[in-house]
Amino acid sequence: QVQLVESGGGLVQPGGSLRLSCAASGSIESISSVGWYRQVPEKERELVAAIASDGDINYADSVKGRFTISRDNAKNTVYLQMNSLKPEDTAVYYCRVVVLTTTHGTGDYWGQGTQVTVSS
């Protein structure tokens, strides 16, 4: 099994910054693609940023130039640096990783979600 633990959410004023982390542990042989998604009540979960298995990086138009996704393969950790935060960035943020496990082949795993609130 694979476990994902997210951290770094919280309350921040408009214009502020936060860094989200998502640490994966368990039966991991390798991690291919990783991504961050967000969801607000009564809306579908949307992609914020992702790193594909070939290293290609994709951002939602609404966060381009403000957010940066990165990964530390040695630590099996994914980060989302969020700068110049806006009230409309308020949401629950989820990480997602596609993992080749040592026991069950390839699996798609989600974090538990972390609340980000941007408000003065």
Protein backbone atom coordinates (compact mmCIF):
# COMPACT_ATOMS: atom_id res chain seq x y z
CA GLN A 1 0.00 0.00 0.00
CA VAL A 2 0.93 3.63 -0.49
CA GLN A 3 0.15 6.46 1.87
CA LEU A 4 0.15 10.15 1.04
CA VAL A 5 0.43 12.80 3.73
CA GLU A 6 -0.23 16.40 2.81
CA SER A 7 0.82 19.44 4.80
CA GLY A 8 1.26 23.17 4.47
CA GLY A 9 -2.28 24.45 4.11
CA GLY A 10 -3.72 27.22 6.20
CA LEU A 11 -5.02 30.77 6.29
CA VAL A 12 -3.11 33.46 4.41
CA GLN A 13 -3.83 37.02 3.38
CA PRO A 14 -4.24 37.97 -0.27
CA GLY A 15 -0.83 38.36 -1.87
CA GLY A 16 0.73 35.91 0.53
CA SER A 17 2.44 32.58 -0.07
CA LEU A 18 2.11 28.99 1.03
CA ARG A 19 3.97 25.82 0.19
CA LEU A 20 2.12 22.54 0.14
CA SER A 21 3.92 19.24 0.56
CA CYS A 22 2.79 15.71 -0.24
CA ALA A 23 4.95 12.90 1.08
CA ALA A 24 4.45 9.39 -0.24
CA SER A 25 5.45 6.28 1.65
CA GLY A 26 4.90 2.56 1.52
CA SER A 27 5.48 -0.02 -1.16
CA ILE A 28 6.94 2.38 -3.72
CA GLU A 29 9.20 1.23 -6.50
CA SER A 30 8.91 4.46 -8.46
CA ILE A 31 6.62 7.44 -8.92
CA SER A 32 5.69 8.48 -12.44
CA SER A 33 3.28 11.38 -12.72
CA VAL A 34 2.33 13.71 -9.88
CA GLY A 35 -0.18 16.50 -9.59
CA TRP A 36 -2.10 18.92 -7.42
CA TYR A 37 -5.85 19.43 -7.69
CA ARG A 38 -8.30 21.63 -5.83
CA GLN A 39 -11.97 21.59 -5.07
CA VAL A 40 -14.52 24.02 -3.69
CA PRO A 41 -17.99 23.05 -2.49
CA GLU A 42 -20.46 22.14 -5.24
CA LYS A 43 -17.81 22.23 -7.93
CA GLU A 44 -15.77 19.52 -9.59
CA ARG A 45 -12.19 18.91 -8.62
CA GLU A 46 -9.88 20.73 -11.00
CA LEU A 47 -6.28 20.32 -12.01
CA VAL A 48 -3.94 22.96 -10.64
CA ALA A 49 -0.54 21.66 -11.74
CA ALA A 50 1.01 18.37 -12.79
CA ILE A 51 4.30 16.80 -13.78
CA ALA A 52 3.87 14.03 -16.32
CA SER A 53 5.98 10.89 -16.43
CA ASP A 54 8.09 12.44 -19.21
CA GLY A 55 8.73 15.52 -17.08
CA ASP A 56 6.32 17.76 -18.93
CA ILE A 57 4.75 20.33 -16.56
CA ASN A 58 1.24 21.66 -16.97
CA TYR A 59 -0.51 24.46 -15.08
CA ALA A 60 -4.06 25.69 -14.99
CA ASP A 61 -4.29 29.08 -16.69
CA SER A 62 -5.53 30.63 -13.46
CA VAL A 63 -2.29 29.84 -11.60
CA LYS A 64 0.35 30.26 -14.30
CA GLY A 65 3.14 32.54 -13.15
CA ARG A 66 2.06 32.27 -9.51
CA PHE A 67 2.30 28.57 -8.62
CA THR A 68 5.21 26.19 -9.07
CA ILE A 69 5.06 22.41 -8.83
CA SER A 70 8.20 20.44 -8.05
CA ARG A 71 9.22 17.02 -6.83
CA ASP A 72 12.01 15.49 -4.81
CA ASN A 73 12.40 11.93 -6.03
CA ALA A 74 14.79 11.00 -3.24
CA LYS A 75 12.15 11.93 -0.66
CA ASN A 76 9.12 10.79 -2.69
CA THR A 77 7.66 14.22 -2.07
CA VAL A 78 5.76 16.65 -4.26
CA TYR A 79 5.54 20.37 -3.57
CA LEU A 80 3.32 23.20 -4.67
CA GLN A 81 4.72 26.67 -4.09
CA MET A 82 1.87 29.16 -4.20
CA ASN A 83 2.68 32.86 -4.45
CA SER A 84 0.53 35.96 -4.92
CA LEU A 85 -2.44 34.10 -3.56
CA LYS A 86 -5.92 35.35 -4.33
CA PRO A 87 -9.25 34.75 -2.55
CA GLU A 88 -10.34 32.63 -5.52
CA ASP A 89 -7.51 30.21 -4.73
CA THR A 90 -9.41 29.20 -1.59
CA ALA A 91 -10.12 25.48 -1.82
CA VAL A 92 -9.19 22.06 -0.52
CA TYR A 93 -6.01 21.00 -2.28
CA TYR A 94 -5.30 17.35 -3.07
CA CYS A 95 -2.15 15.72 -4.31
CA ARG A 96 -2.28 12.80 -6.68
CA VAL A 97 0.50 10.41 -7.59
CA VAL A 98 0.76 7.47 -9.94
CA VAL A 99 2.96 4.89 -8.30
CA LEU A 100 4.59 1.69 -9.46
CA THR A 101 4.38 -0.33 -6.29
CA THR A 102 6.56 -3.24 -5.28
CA THR A 103 3.52 -5.40 -4.59
CA HIS A 104 0.45 -4.39 -6.60
CA GLY A 105 1.63 -2.97 -9.89
CA THR A 106 0.69 0.58 -10.81
CA GLY A 107 -1.79 2.52 -8.73
CA ASP A 108 -3.36 5.98 -8.60
CA TYR A 109 -3.31 7.52 -5.12
CA TRP A 110 -4.81 10.67 -3.61
CA GLY A 111 -3.89 12.64 -0.52
CA GLN A 112 -6.39 13.45 2.21
CA GLY A 113 -6.67 17.09 1.20
CA THR A 114 -5.48 20.26 2.89
CA GLN A 115 -7.50 23.45 3.25
CA VAL A 116 -6.12 26.67 1.81
CA THR A 117 -8.00 29.83 2.72
CA VAL A 118 -7.03 33.20 1.28
CA SER A 119 -8.74 36.00 3.15
CA SER A 120 -8.03 39.29 4.82
